[in-house]
Amino acid sequence: MAIDEAFISRLVETFYKRALAHPELGPLFDAKLSGRWSEHMEKMKSFWSAVAFRNGAYEGKPVQAHLGVANMTPQLFSNWLELFAATLSDIAPNKDVETWFMTTAERIARSLALSLFYNPALDDPKYNNQ
């Protein structure tokens, strides 16, 4: 894909700089990560490195890390994806890299959102007919 650890680092640093400046994402991230930004940045670099290179660099638990985040809503995942897409559009070395990372981010966001917000009762036909 023509990427390396330097690209992963740039992607993470650029995205989170923008996330902190975002009117909705910034306060959420800052409240959760205040005083732990450098640790989080290294963790996210390990995460994306593990995803991109399948190198086992990440050993965290993403769902547990997002549980109990104050003021988190499903809509914020859309905001996150929009910002991630804009970041990739600006820094990805080519369209293949942009597409692969965006497709992967969408899958991850969907998985996290389902883990955090899915209510199986909503699939019950007796609720869908009302």
Protein backbone atom coordinates (compact mmCIF):
# COMPACT_ATOMS: atom_id res chain seq x y z
CA MET A 1 0.00 0.00 0.00
CA ALA A 2 3.02 2.28 0.03
CA ILE A 3 2.75 3.19 3.71
CA ASP A 4 5.07 2.87 6.66
CA GLU A 5 5.16 3.66 10.37
CA ALA A 6 5.86 7.30 9.53
CA PHE A 7 2.53 7.49 7.68
CA ILE A 8 0.70 5.87 10.62
CA SER A 9 2.27 8.39 12.97
CA ARG A 10 1.32 11.31 10.71
CA LEU A 11 -2.22 10.01 10.31
CA VAL A 12 -2.77 9.64 14.06
CA GLU A 13 -1.15 12.96 14.95
CA THR A 14 -3.00 14.89 12.24
CA PHE A 15 -6.35 13.30 13.01
CA TYR A 16 -6.18 13.85 16.76
CA LYS A 17 -5.00 17.43 16.37
CA ARG A 18 -8.11 18.02 14.27
CA ALA A 19 -10.30 16.00 16.66
CA LEU A 20 -9.25 18.22 19.56
CA ALA A 21 -10.23 21.31 17.56
CA HIS A 22 -13.61 19.82 16.57
CA PRO A 23 -16.50 21.47 18.44
CA GLU A 24 -18.16 18.18 19.41
CA LEU A 25 -15.33 15.66 19.42
CA GLY A 26 -12.74 17.89 21.07
CA PRO A 27 -14.44 18.28 24.45
CA LEU A 28 -15.27 14.57 24.56
CA PHE A 29 -11.70 13.50 23.85
CA ASP A 30 -10.20 16.11 26.12
CA ALA A 31 -12.44 15.16 29.06
CA LYS A 32 -11.54 11.47 28.71
CA LEU A 33 -7.84 11.89 27.94
CA SER A 34 -6.79 14.97 29.88
CA GLY A 35 -3.25 14.42 31.11
CA ARG A 36 -2.91 11.19 29.11
CA TRP A 37 -2.63 12.44 25.54
CA SER A 38 0.87 11.16 24.84
CA GLU A 39 -0.10 7.71 26.14
CA HIS A 40 -3.22 7.73 23.98
CA MET A 41 -1.32 8.83 20.89
CA GLU A 42 1.16 5.96 21.27
CA LYS A 43 -1.72 3.53 21.80
CA MET A 44 -3.48 4.75 18.64
CA LYS A 45 -0.27 4.49 16.64
CA SER A 46 0.09 0.90 17.87
CA PHE A 47 -3.56 0.23 17.05
CA TRP A 48 -3.35 1.50 13.47
CA SER A 49 0.01 -0.17 12.96
CA ALA A 50 -1.48 -3.49 14.08
CA VAL A 51 -4.47 -2.99 11.78
CA ALA A 52 -2.42 -1.95 8.74
CA PHE A 53 0.55 -4.28 9.12
CA ARG A 54 -1.09 -7.11 11.08
CA ASN A 55 1.91 -7.03 13.38
CA GLY A 56 0.24 -7.53 16.76
CA ALA A 57 1.45 -4.14 18.00
CA TYR A 58 -1.84 -3.39 19.77
CA GLU A 59 -3.06 -5.31 22.80
CA GLY A 60 -5.86 -3.04 24.03
CA LYS A 61 -9.59 -3.55 24.37
CA PRO A 62 -11.33 -0.91 22.25
CA VAL A 63 -14.89 -1.58 23.40
CA GLN A 64 -13.97 -1.43 27.08
CA ALA A 65 -11.97 1.74 26.48
CA HIS A 66 -15.06 3.46 25.07
CA LEU A 67 -17.53 2.27 27.70
CA GLY A 68 -18.67 4.98 30.05
CA VAL A 69 -17.36 7.89 28.01
CA ALA A 70 -19.51 10.79 29.13
CA ASN A 71 -21.75 12.33 26.46
CA MET A 72 -20.89 9.79 23.77
CA THR A 73 -23.64 9.33 21.21
CA PRO A 74 -23.96 7.28 18.02
CA GLN A 75 -23.86 10.53 15.99
CA LEU A 76 -20.32 11.19 17.18
CA PHE A 77 -19.15 8.16 15.22
CA SER A 78 -20.36 9.90 12.05
CA ASN A 79 -18.47 13.04 13.05
CA TRP A 80 -15.38 10.94 13.73
CA LEU A 81 -15.64 9.27 10.32
CA GLU A 82 -16.10 12.59 8.51
CA LEU A 83 -13.01 14.00 10.19
CA PHE A 84 -11.04 10.83 9.51
CA ALA A 85 -12.06 10.95 5.84
CA ALA A 86 -10.97 14.58 5.55
CA THR A 87 -7.65 13.75 7.19
CA LEU A 88 -7.05 10.85 4.81
CA SER A 89 -8.02 13.00 1.84
CA ASP A 90 -5.36 15.50 2.87
CA ILE A 91 -2.48 13.16 3.72
CA ALA A 92 -2.91 9.73 2.10
CA PRO A 93 -0.21 9.12 -0.50
CA ASN A 94 -2.69 7.65 -2.98
CA LYS A 95 -6.35 6.68 -3.45
CA ASP A 96 -5.76 3.03 -2.57
CA VAL A 97 -4.40 3.97 0.85
CA GLU A 98 -7.23 6.43 1.41
CA THR A 99 -9.87 3.84 0.45
CA TRP A 100 -8.34 1.04 2.53
CA PHE A 101 -8.04 3.14 5.68
CA MET A 102 -11.50 4.64 5.27
CA THR A 103 -13.14 1.25 4.69
CA THR A 104 -11.34 -0.09 7.73
CA ALA A 105 -12.31 2.92 9.86
CA GLU A 106 -15.95 2.53 8.84
CA ARG A 107 -15.90 -1.13 9.85
CA ILE A 108 -14.29 -0.30 13.20
CA ALA A 109 -16.72 2.55 13.89
CA ARG A 110 -19.70 0.35 13.02
CA SER A 111 -18.43 -2.40 15.31
CA LEU A 112 -17.84 0.00 18.20
CA ALA A 113 -21.19 1.71 17.76
CA LEU A 114 -23.00 -1.63 17.74
CA SER A 115 -21.10 -2.76 20.82
CA LEU A 116 -21.88 0.43 22.69
CA PHE A 117 -25.39 1.33 21.55
CA TYR A 118 -27.13 -1.69 20.02
CA ASN A 119 -30.33 -2.77 21.74
CA PRO A 120 -31.46 -6.24 20.62
CA ALA A 121 -35.01 -5.46 21.71
CA LEU A 122 -35.24 -3.09 18.75
CA ASP A 123 -35.01 -6.11 16.43
CA ASP A 124 -38.04 -7.71 18.08
CA PRO A 125 -40.92 -7.66 15.55
CA LYS A 126 -43.41 -6.58 18.21
CA TYR A 127 -41.49 -3.28 18.52
CA ASN A 128 -41.03 -2.79 14.77
CA ASN A 129 -44.75 -2.87 14.00
CA GLN A 130 -45.67 0.11 16.15
